[in-house]
């Protein structure tokens, strides 16, 4: 779910309302949360709700997707090159609590026409640095933390 946002000053931009729920396997944002899940839990999720295509570039093969999640865990950020929305690129990184659980994700999104390949590749580490700073304010001592996804009492599943 989108809980806050900062919009571009450009007239042509990507925007989603606060409160919008993003599908669990949607682009960079979803990859951060899936990378934090223990493998058995992720496998159960994939069996219950198979990966679905959003664009022609969406990865729907579970084996390929799991390899991408391993890369997310290694690099500390996820990239999405038109996997969720045509013409849109994104990078996301986990926000973690003091116990290393993912409690959120910081995501930067841009139009492919404006976010050229070199800038797109540089965006991942930049987003991870910002997410690390937020995580440290939440008490994280290790970043990134991949100790599962925190659940909150009263939060919808």
N, C-alpha and C. Protein backbone atom coordinates (compact mmCIF):
# COMPACT_ATOMS: atom_id res chain seq x y z
N UNK A 1 0.84 -1.17 0.00
CA UNK A 1 0.00 0.00 0.00
C UNK A 1 0.90 1.24 0.00
N UNK A 2 0.53 2.21 -0.79
CA UNK A 2 1.28 3.47 -0.83
C UNK A 2 0.86 4.29 0.39
N UNK A 3 1.85 4.65 1.22
CA UNK A 3 1.53 5.40 2.44
C UNK A 3 1.96 6.86 2.36
N UNK A 4 2.84 7.19 1.43
CA UNK A 4 3.26 8.57 1.25
C UNK A 4 3.91 8.69 -0.11
N UNK A 5 3.99 9.91 -0.62
CA UNK A 5 4.62 10.09 -1.93
C UNK A 5 5.09 11.52 -2.09
N UNK A 6 6.01 11.68 -2.98
CA UNK A 6 6.50 12.99 -3.41
C UNK A 6 6.42 12.97 -4.92
N UNK A 7 5.72 13.91 -5.50
CA UNK A 7 5.52 13.90 -6.95
C UNK A 7 6.52 14.78 -7.68
N UNK A 8 6.77 14.43 -8.90
CA UNK A 8 7.63 15.19 -9.79
C UNK A 8 7.00 16.55 -10.08
N UNK A 9 7.87 17.52 -10.34
CA UNK A 9 7.40 18.85 -10.73
C UNK A 9 7.04 18.89 -12.21
N UNK A 10 7.42 17.87 -12.98
CA UNK A 10 7.12 17.82 -14.41
C UNK A 10 5.61 17.71 -14.63
N UNK A 11 5.14 18.30 -15.73
CA UNK A 11 3.72 18.18 -16.06
C UNK A 11 3.33 16.74 -16.38
N UNK A 12 4.20 16.04 -17.09
CA UNK A 12 3.96 14.64 -17.44
C UNK A 12 4.67 13.79 -16.40
N UNK A 13 3.91 13.02 -15.62
CA UNK A 13 4.48 12.25 -14.52
C UNK A 13 3.64 11.01 -14.23
N UNK A 14 4.21 10.15 -13.44
CA UNK A 14 3.52 8.95 -12.98
C UNK A 14 3.01 9.26 -11.58
N UNK A 15 1.77 8.94 -11.30
CA UNK A 15 1.24 9.20 -9.98
C UNK A 15 0.25 8.12 -9.58
N UNK A 16 0.23 7.82 -8.31
CA UNK A 16 -0.75 6.91 -7.73
C UNK A 16 -1.19 7.51 -6.41
N UNK A 17 -2.42 7.34 -6.04
CA UNK A 17 -2.90 7.94 -4.79
C UNK A 17 -2.39 7.21 -3.55
N UNK A 18 -2.18 7.97 -2.48
CA UNK A 18 -1.88 7.37 -1.19
C UNK A 18 -3.04 6.45 -0.85
N UNK A 19 -2.73 5.28 -0.34
CA UNK A 19 -3.76 4.29 -0.01
C UNK A 19 -3.92 3.22 -1.07
N UNK A 20 -3.41 3.46 -2.27
CA UNK A 20 -3.53 2.46 -3.33
C UNK A 20 -2.73 1.22 -2.95
N UNK A 21 -3.35 0.08 -3.16
CA UNK A 21 -2.67 -1.20 -2.92
C UNK A 21 -1.99 -1.65 -4.21
N UNK A 22 -0.75 -2.05 -4.07
CA UNK A 22 0.04 -2.51 -5.21
C UNK A 22 0.06 -4.04 -5.15
N UNK A 23 -0.16 -4.73 -6.27
CA UNK A 23 -0.12 -6.20 -6.25
C UNK A 23 1.22 -6.72 -5.71
N UNK A 24 1.17 -7.85 -5.02
CA UNK A 24 2.36 -8.37 -4.35
C UNK A 24 3.55 -8.59 -5.28
N UNK A 25 3.31 -8.85 -6.54
CA UNK A 25 4.41 -9.13 -7.46
C UNK A 25 4.64 -7.99 -8.46
N UNK A 26 4.23 -6.79 -8.08
CA UNK A 26 4.31 -5.65 -9.00
C UNK A 26 5.67 -4.98 -8.96
N UNK A 27 6.46 -5.17 -9.98
CA UNK A 27 7.70 -4.44 -10.18
C UNK A 27 8.67 -4.44 -9.02
N UNK A 28 9.46 -3.38 -8.95
CA UNK A 28 10.52 -3.27 -7.95
C UNK A 28 9.96 -3.27 -6.54
N UNK A 29 8.86 -2.58 -6.34
CA UNK A 29 8.23 -2.48 -5.03
C UNK A 29 7.91 -3.88 -4.48
N UNK A 30 7.24 -4.69 -5.28
CA UNK A 30 6.87 -6.03 -4.85
C UNK A 30 8.08 -6.93 -4.63
N UNK A 31 9.10 -6.77 -5.48
CA UNK A 31 10.29 -7.61 -5.34
C UNK A 31 10.96 -7.43 -3.98
N UNK A 32 10.93 -6.21 -3.44
CA UNK A 32 11.55 -5.97 -2.14
C UNK A 32 10.88 -6.83 -1.07
N UNK A 33 9.56 -6.84 -1.06
CA UNK A 33 8.84 -7.62 -0.05
C UNK A 33 9.01 -9.12 -0.28
N UNK A 34 8.95 -9.55 -1.52
CA UNK A 34 9.11 -10.98 -1.81
C UNK A 34 10.52 -11.46 -1.49
N UNK A 35 11.52 -10.61 -1.68
CA UNK A 35 12.90 -10.98 -1.36
C UNK A 35 13.07 -11.19 0.14
N UNK A 36 12.25 -10.54 0.94
CA UNK A 36 12.36 -10.66 2.40
C UNK A 36 11.66 -11.89 2.95
N UNK A 37 10.75 -12.46 2.18
CA UNK A 37 10.02 -13.63 2.68
C UNK A 37 10.91 -14.87 2.70
N UNK A 38 10.76 -15.71 3.72
CA UNK A 38 11.45 -17.00 3.71
C UNK A 38 10.98 -17.82 2.49
N UNK A 39 11.87 -18.58 1.91
CA UNK A 39 11.56 -19.34 0.69
C UNK A 39 10.28 -20.17 0.80
N UNK A 40 10.05 -20.92 1.89
CA UNK A 40 8.81 -21.72 1.96
C UNK A 40 7.54 -20.85 1.91
N UNK A 41 7.58 -19.71 2.55
CA UNK A 41 6.43 -18.81 2.55
C UNK A 41 6.19 -18.24 1.14
N UNK A 42 7.28 -17.88 0.48
CA UNK A 42 7.19 -17.36 -0.89
C UNK A 42 6.64 -18.43 -1.83
N UNK A 43 7.10 -19.67 -1.68
CA UNK A 43 6.61 -20.76 -2.54
C UNK A 43 5.12 -21.00 -2.33
N UNK A 44 4.66 -20.94 -1.08
CA UNK A 44 3.22 -21.08 -0.81
C UNK A 44 2.44 -19.96 -1.49
N UNK A 45 2.97 -18.76 -1.43
CA UNK A 45 2.30 -17.62 -2.05
C UNK A 45 2.21 -17.81 -3.56
N UNK A 46 3.31 -18.24 -4.19
CA UNK A 46 3.32 -18.45 -5.64
C UNK A 46 2.34 -19.55 -6.05
N UNK A 47 2.15 -20.56 -5.20
CA UNK A 47 1.19 -21.62 -5.52
C UNK A 47 -0.24 -21.11 -5.40
N UNK A 48 -0.50 -20.31 -4.37
CA UNK A 48 -1.84 -19.74 -4.16
C UNK A 48 -2.19 -18.68 -5.19
N UNK A 49 -1.22 -17.86 -5.50
CA UNK A 49 -1.44 -16.73 -6.41
C UNK A 49 -0.27 -16.66 -7.39
N UNK A 50 -0.34 -17.39 -8.50
CA UNK A 50 0.76 -17.41 -9.47
C UNK A 50 1.11 -16.01 -9.97
N UNK A 51 2.37 -15.85 -10.35
CA UNK A 51 2.82 -14.58 -10.91
C UNK A 51 2.00 -14.26 -12.15
N UNK A 52 1.59 -13.03 -12.27
CA UNK A 52 0.76 -12.66 -13.41
C UNK A 52 1.44 -11.56 -14.21
N UNK A 53 1.20 -11.53 -15.50
CA UNK A 53 1.82 -10.48 -16.33
C UNK A 53 1.08 -9.15 -16.22
N UNK A 54 1.86 -8.09 -16.15
CA UNK A 54 1.31 -6.73 -16.21
C UNK A 54 1.65 -6.11 -17.56
N UNK A 55 2.85 -6.46 -18.09
CA UNK A 55 3.31 -5.97 -19.39
C UNK A 55 3.99 -7.14 -20.10
N UNK A 56 4.43 -6.91 -21.32
CA UNK A 56 5.16 -7.95 -22.06
C UNK A 56 6.50 -8.26 -21.41
N UNK A 57 7.01 -7.38 -20.55
CA UNK A 57 8.31 -7.59 -19.89
C UNK A 57 8.20 -8.18 -18.49
N UNK A 58 7.00 -8.43 -18.01
CA UNK A 58 6.83 -9.00 -16.68
C UNK A 58 7.38 -10.42 -16.65
N UNK A 59 8.15 -10.72 -15.62
CA UNK A 59 8.67 -12.07 -15.41
C UNK A 59 7.58 -12.88 -14.71
N UNK A 60 7.13 -13.95 -15.35
CA UNK A 60 6.07 -14.78 -14.76
C UNK A 60 6.55 -16.19 -14.45
N UNK A 61 7.75 -16.54 -14.85
CA UNK A 61 8.33 -17.84 -14.53
C UNK A 61 8.89 -17.78 -13.11
N UNK A 62 8.40 -18.62 -12.22
CA UNK A 62 8.79 -18.57 -10.81
C UNK A 62 10.29 -18.77 -10.62
N UNK A 63 10.91 -19.67 -11.37
CA UNK A 63 12.35 -19.91 -11.23
C UNK A 63 13.17 -18.67 -11.59
N UNK A 64 12.81 -18.03 -12.68
CA UNK A 64 13.50 -16.81 -13.10
C UNK A 64 13.26 -15.71 -12.08
N UNK A 65 12.05 -15.61 -11.58
CA UNK A 65 11.71 -14.58 -10.61
C UNK A 65 12.50 -14.78 -9.31
N UNK A 66 12.61 -16.02 -8.86
CA UNK A 66 13.36 -16.32 -7.63
C UNK A 66 14.83 -15.95 -7.81
N UNK A 67 15.39 -16.19 -8.99
CA UNK A 67 16.79 -15.77 -9.25
C UNK A 67 16.91 -14.25 -9.19
N UNK A 68 15.90 -13.55 -9.68
CA UNK A 68 15.90 -12.08 -9.59
C UNK A 68 15.82 -11.64 -8.13
N UNK A 69 15.04 -12.34 -7.32
CA UNK A 69 14.95 -12.00 -5.90
C UNK A 69 16.27 -12.23 -5.18
N UNK A 70 17.03 -13.24 -5.58
CA UNK A 70 18.35 -13.46 -5.00
C UNK A 70 19.26 -12.27 -5.31
N UNK A 71 19.12 -11.73 -6.51
CA UNK A 71 19.90 -10.55 -6.91
C UNK A 71 19.48 -9.34 -6.06
N UNK A 72 18.19 -9.21 -5.78
CA UNK A 72 17.69 -8.12 -4.95
C UNK A 72 18.31 -8.22 -3.55
N UNK A 73 18.33 -9.41 -3.00
CA UNK A 73 18.92 -9.61 -1.67
C UNK A 73 20.41 -9.29 -1.69
N UNK A 74 21.09 -9.70 -2.73
CA UNK A 74 22.53 -9.44 -2.83
C UNK A 74 22.82 -7.95 -2.98
N UNK A 75 22.07 -7.27 -3.86
CA UNK A 75 22.35 -5.87 -4.18
C UNK A 75 21.73 -4.89 -3.17
N UNK A 76 20.66 -5.32 -2.50
CA UNK A 76 19.99 -4.45 -1.54
C UNK A 76 18.95 -3.54 -2.17
N UNK A 77 18.62 -3.78 -3.42
CA UNK A 77 17.60 -2.99 -4.11
C UNK A 77 17.06 -3.79 -5.28
N UNK A 78 15.89 -3.39 -5.75
CA UNK A 78 15.26 -4.04 -6.90
C UNK A 78 15.07 -3.03 -8.01
N UNK A 79 15.15 -3.51 -9.23
CA UNK A 79 14.90 -2.68 -10.41
C UNK A 79 13.71 -3.24 -11.18
N UNK A 80 13.01 -2.36 -11.87
CA UNK A 80 11.86 -2.72 -12.69
C UNK A 80 11.96 -1.89 -13.98
N UNK A 81 12.24 -2.58 -15.07
CA UNK A 81 12.36 -1.92 -16.38
C UNK A 81 11.14 -2.29 -17.21
N UNK A 82 10.05 -1.57 -16.99
CA UNK A 82 8.78 -1.78 -17.68
C UNK A 82 8.14 -3.13 -17.36
N UNK A 83 8.39 -3.67 -16.18
CA UNK A 83 7.79 -4.95 -15.80
C UNK A 83 6.38 -4.78 -15.23
N UNK A 84 6.11 -3.62 -14.63
CA UNK A 84 4.79 -3.38 -14.03
C UNK A 84 3.95 -2.46 -14.91
N UNK A 85 4.54 -1.41 -15.42
CA UNK A 85 3.83 -0.46 -16.28
C UNK A 85 4.66 -0.17 -17.53
N UNK A 86 4.03 -0.23 -18.69
CA UNK A 86 4.73 0.10 -19.93
C UNK A 86 5.26 1.52 -19.87
N UNK A 87 6.51 1.69 -20.29
CA UNK A 87 7.11 3.02 -20.35
C UNK A 87 7.59 3.56 -19.02
N UNK A 88 7.59 2.71 -17.98
CA UNK A 88 7.95 3.16 -16.64
C UNK A 88 9.09 2.29 -16.09
N UNK A 89 10.05 2.97 -15.48
CA UNK A 89 11.17 2.30 -14.80
C UNK A 89 11.10 2.66 -13.31
N UNK A 90 11.56 1.74 -12.47
CA UNK A 90 11.52 2.00 -11.03
C UNK A 90 12.65 1.28 -10.32
N UNK A 91 13.01 1.81 -9.18
CA UNK A 91 13.95 1.16 -8.27
C UNK A 91 13.32 1.22 -6.88
N UNK A 92 13.55 0.19 -6.09
CA UNK A 92 13.00 0.15 -4.72
C UNK A 92 14.01 -0.52 -3.81
N UNK A 93 13.98 -0.13 -2.55
CA UNK A 93 14.86 -0.72 -1.54
C UNK A 93 14.07 -0.87 -0.25
N UNK A 94 14.47 -1.85 0.56
CA UNK A 94 13.72 -2.11 1.79
C UNK A 94 13.97 -1.07 2.88
N UNK A 95 12.92 -0.80 3.63
CA UNK A 95 13.04 -0.06 4.88
C UNK A 95 12.89 -1.12 5.96
N UNK A 96 13.87 -1.21 6.85
CA UNK A 96 13.87 -2.28 7.85
C UNK A 96 13.86 -1.70 9.26
N UNK A 97 13.35 -2.51 10.17
CA UNK A 97 13.30 -2.11 11.58
C UNK A 97 14.54 -2.61 12.32
N UNK A 98 14.56 -2.41 13.62
CA UNK A 98 15.71 -2.80 14.43
C UNK A 98 15.97 -4.29 14.47
N UNK A 99 15.00 -5.09 14.05
CA UNK A 99 15.18 -6.54 14.02
C UNK A 99 15.47 -7.06 12.62
N UNK A 100 15.66 -6.14 11.68
CA UNK A 100 15.99 -6.54 10.32
C UNK A 100 14.81 -6.99 9.50
N UNK A 101 13.60 -6.71 9.96
CA UNK A 101 12.40 -7.08 9.21
C UNK A 101 12.02 -5.94 8.27
N UNK A 102 11.58 -6.30 7.09
CA UNK A 102 11.14 -5.29 6.14
C UNK A 102 9.79 -4.75 6.62
N UNK A 103 9.75 -3.43 6.82
CA UNK A 103 8.52 -2.79 7.27
C UNK A 103 7.93 -1.88 6.19
N UNK A 104 8.68 -1.70 5.11
CA UNK A 104 8.24 -0.86 4.02
C UNK A 104 9.26 -0.88 2.91
N UNK A 105 9.00 -0.09 1.89
CA UNK A 105 9.93 0.04 0.78
C UNK A 105 9.92 1.47 0.31
N UNK A 106 11.08 1.94 -0.08
CA UNK A 106 11.21 3.25 -0.69
C UNK A 106 11.38 3.02 -2.18
N UNK A 107 10.60 3.69 -2.97
CA UNK A 107 10.62 3.46 -4.41
C UNK A 107 10.73 4.78 -5.15
N UNK A 108 11.51 4.78 -6.22
CA UNK A 108 11.61 5.93 -7.12
C UNK A 108 11.17 5.44 -8.50
N UNK A 109 10.29 6.21 -9.12
CA UNK A 109 9.67 5.80 -10.37
C UNK A 109 9.83 6.92 -11.39
N UNK A 110 10.11 6.53 -12.64
CA UNK A 110 10.24 7.54 -13.68
C UNK A 110 9.84 7.01 -15.04
N UNK A 111 9.55 7.92 -15.92
CA UNK A 111 9.23 7.55 -17.30
C UNK A 111 10.49 7.12 -18.01
N UNK A 112 10.42 6.02 -18.75
CA UNK A 112 11.58 5.51 -19.47
C UNK A 112 12.14 6.57 -20.43
N UNK A 113 11.28 7.38 -21.01
CA UNK A 113 11.71 8.42 -21.94
C UNK A 113 12.64 9.43 -21.26
N UNK A 114 12.47 9.64 -19.96
CA UNK A 114 13.31 10.59 -19.22
C UNK A 114 14.41 9.92 -18.43
N UNK A 115 14.17 8.69 -18.01
CA UNK A 115 15.12 7.97 -17.15
C UNK A 115 15.94 7.02 -18.03
N UNK A 116 16.96 7.57 -18.62
CA UNK A 116 17.82 6.81 -19.53
C UNK A 116 18.54 5.69 -18.78
N UNK A 117 19.10 4.75 -19.51
CA UNK A 117 19.68 3.54 -18.93
C UNK A 117 20.73 3.83 -17.86
N UNK A 118 21.67 4.74 -18.10
CA UNK A 118 22.72 5.00 -17.12
C UNK A 118 22.12 5.57 -15.83
N UNK A 119 21.18 6.48 -15.94
CA UNK A 119 20.53 7.05 -14.76
C UNK A 119 19.70 5.99 -14.04
N UNK A 120 19.06 5.13 -14.81
CA UNK A 120 18.25 4.06 -14.23
C UNK A 120 19.13 3.11 -13.41
N UNK A 121 20.26 2.72 -13.96
CA UNK A 121 21.17 1.81 -13.24
C UNK A 121 21.71 2.45 -11.96
N UNK A 122 21.93 3.76 -11.98
CA UNK A 122 22.44 4.46 -10.80
C UNK A 122 21.36 4.67 -9.74
N UNK A 123 20.11 4.58 -10.14
CA UNK A 123 19.01 4.84 -9.23
C UNK A 123 18.91 3.82 -8.10
N UNK A 124 19.20 2.56 -8.39
CA UNK A 124 19.10 1.51 -7.36
C UNK A 124 19.95 1.82 -6.13
N UNK A 125 21.26 2.05 -6.29
CA UNK A 125 22.08 2.37 -5.13
C UNK A 125 21.66 3.67 -4.43
N UNK A 126 21.15 4.63 -5.19
CA UNK A 126 20.70 5.89 -4.58
C UNK A 126 19.47 5.65 -3.71
N UNK A 127 18.53 4.87 -4.21
CA UNK A 127 17.33 4.56 -3.43
C UNK A 127 17.72 3.73 -2.20
N UNK A 128 18.65 2.80 -2.36
CA UNK A 128 19.09 1.99 -1.22
C UNK A 128 19.74 2.87 -0.14
N UNK A 129 20.51 3.86 -0.54
CA UNK A 129 21.15 4.76 0.44
C UNK A 129 20.08 5.54 1.22
N UNK A 130 19.07 6.00 0.52
CA UNK A 130 17.99 6.74 1.19
C UNK A 130 17.20 5.81 2.11
N UNK A 131 16.92 4.59 1.66
CA UNK A 131 16.18 3.63 2.48
C UNK A 131 16.99 3.23 3.71
N UNK A 132 18.30 3.15 3.55
CA UNK A 132 19.17 2.84 4.70
C UNK A 132 19.06 3.95 5.75
N UNK A 133 19.07 5.21 5.31
CA UNK A 133 18.97 6.33 6.25
C UNK A 133 17.65 6.28 7.02
N UNK A 134 16.57 5.98 6.33
CA UNK A 134 15.27 5.85 7.00
C UNK A 134 15.31 4.68 7.97
N UNK A 135 15.88 3.57 7.54
CA UNK A 135 15.96 2.37 8.38
C UNK A 135 16.76 2.64 9.65
N UNK A 136 17.85 3.35 9.53
CA UNK A 136 18.66 3.67 10.71
C UNK A 136 17.88 4.51 11.70
N UNK A 137 17.03 5.40 11.18
CA UNK A 137 16.18 6.20 12.09
C UNK A 137 15.16 5.33 12.80
N UNK A 138 14.84 4.17 12.20
CA UNK A 138 13.91 3.22 12.82
C UNK A 138 14.62 2.23 13.73
N UNK A 139 15.93 2.38 13.87
CA UNK A 139 16.68 1.51 14.77
C UNK A 139 17.43 0.38 14.10
N UNK A 140 17.45 0.33 12.77
CA UNK A 140 18.18 -0.74 12.09
C UNK A 140 19.67 -0.60 12.36
N UNK A 141 20.29 -1.72 12.71
CA UNK A 141 21.74 -1.73 12.92
C UNK A 141 22.45 -2.46 11.81
N UNK A 142 21.69 -3.19 11.01
CA UNK A 142 22.24 -3.92 9.86
C UNK A 142 21.35 -3.62 8.67
N UNK A 143 21.98 -3.31 7.54
CA UNK A 143 21.18 -2.98 6.36
C UNK A 143 21.84 -3.59 5.14
N UNK A 144 21.05 -4.15 4.20
CA UNK A 144 19.63 -4.37 4.39
C UNK A 144 19.38 -5.53 5.33
N UNK A 145 18.21 -5.58 5.88
CA UNK A 145 17.81 -6.69 6.73
C UNK A 145 16.83 -7.54 5.96
N UNK A 146 17.04 -8.80 5.95
CA UNK A 146 16.14 -9.69 5.21
C UNK A 146 15.54 -10.72 6.16
N UNK A 147 15.17 -10.29 7.37
CA UNK A 147 14.62 -11.19 8.38
C UNK A 147 13.11 -11.28 8.31
N UNK A 148 12.58 -11.37 7.12
CA UNK A 148 11.14 -11.48 6.94
C UNK A 148 10.47 -10.14 6.81
N UNK A 149 9.16 -10.18 6.72
CA UNK A 149 8.35 -8.98 6.58
C UNK A 149 7.58 -8.79 7.89
N UNK A 150 7.68 -7.59 8.45
CA UNK A 150 6.97 -7.32 9.70
C UNK A 150 5.47 -7.30 9.42
N UNK A 151 4.72 -7.79 10.36
CA UNK A 151 3.26 -7.71 10.28
C UNK A 151 2.78 -6.78 11.38
N UNK A 152 1.71 -6.10 11.12
CA UNK A 152 1.19 -5.13 12.07
C UNK A 152 -0.21 -5.54 12.48
N UNK A 153 -0.46 -5.48 13.78
CA UNK A 153 -1.77 -5.85 14.30
C UNK A 153 -2.85 -4.99 13.65
N UNK A 154 -3.87 -5.63 13.17
CA UNK A 154 -4.98 -4.91 12.55
C UNK A 154 -4.78 -4.64 11.07
N UNK A 155 -3.57 -4.92 10.55
CA UNK A 155 -3.32 -4.66 9.13
C UNK A 155 -3.96 -5.77 8.31
N UNK A 156 -4.59 -5.42 7.18
CA UNK A 156 -5.17 -6.46 6.33
C UNK A 156 -4.08 -7.36 5.76
N UNK A 157 -4.37 -8.62 5.61
CA UNK A 157 -3.38 -9.58 5.08
C UNK A 157 -3.25 -9.45 3.58
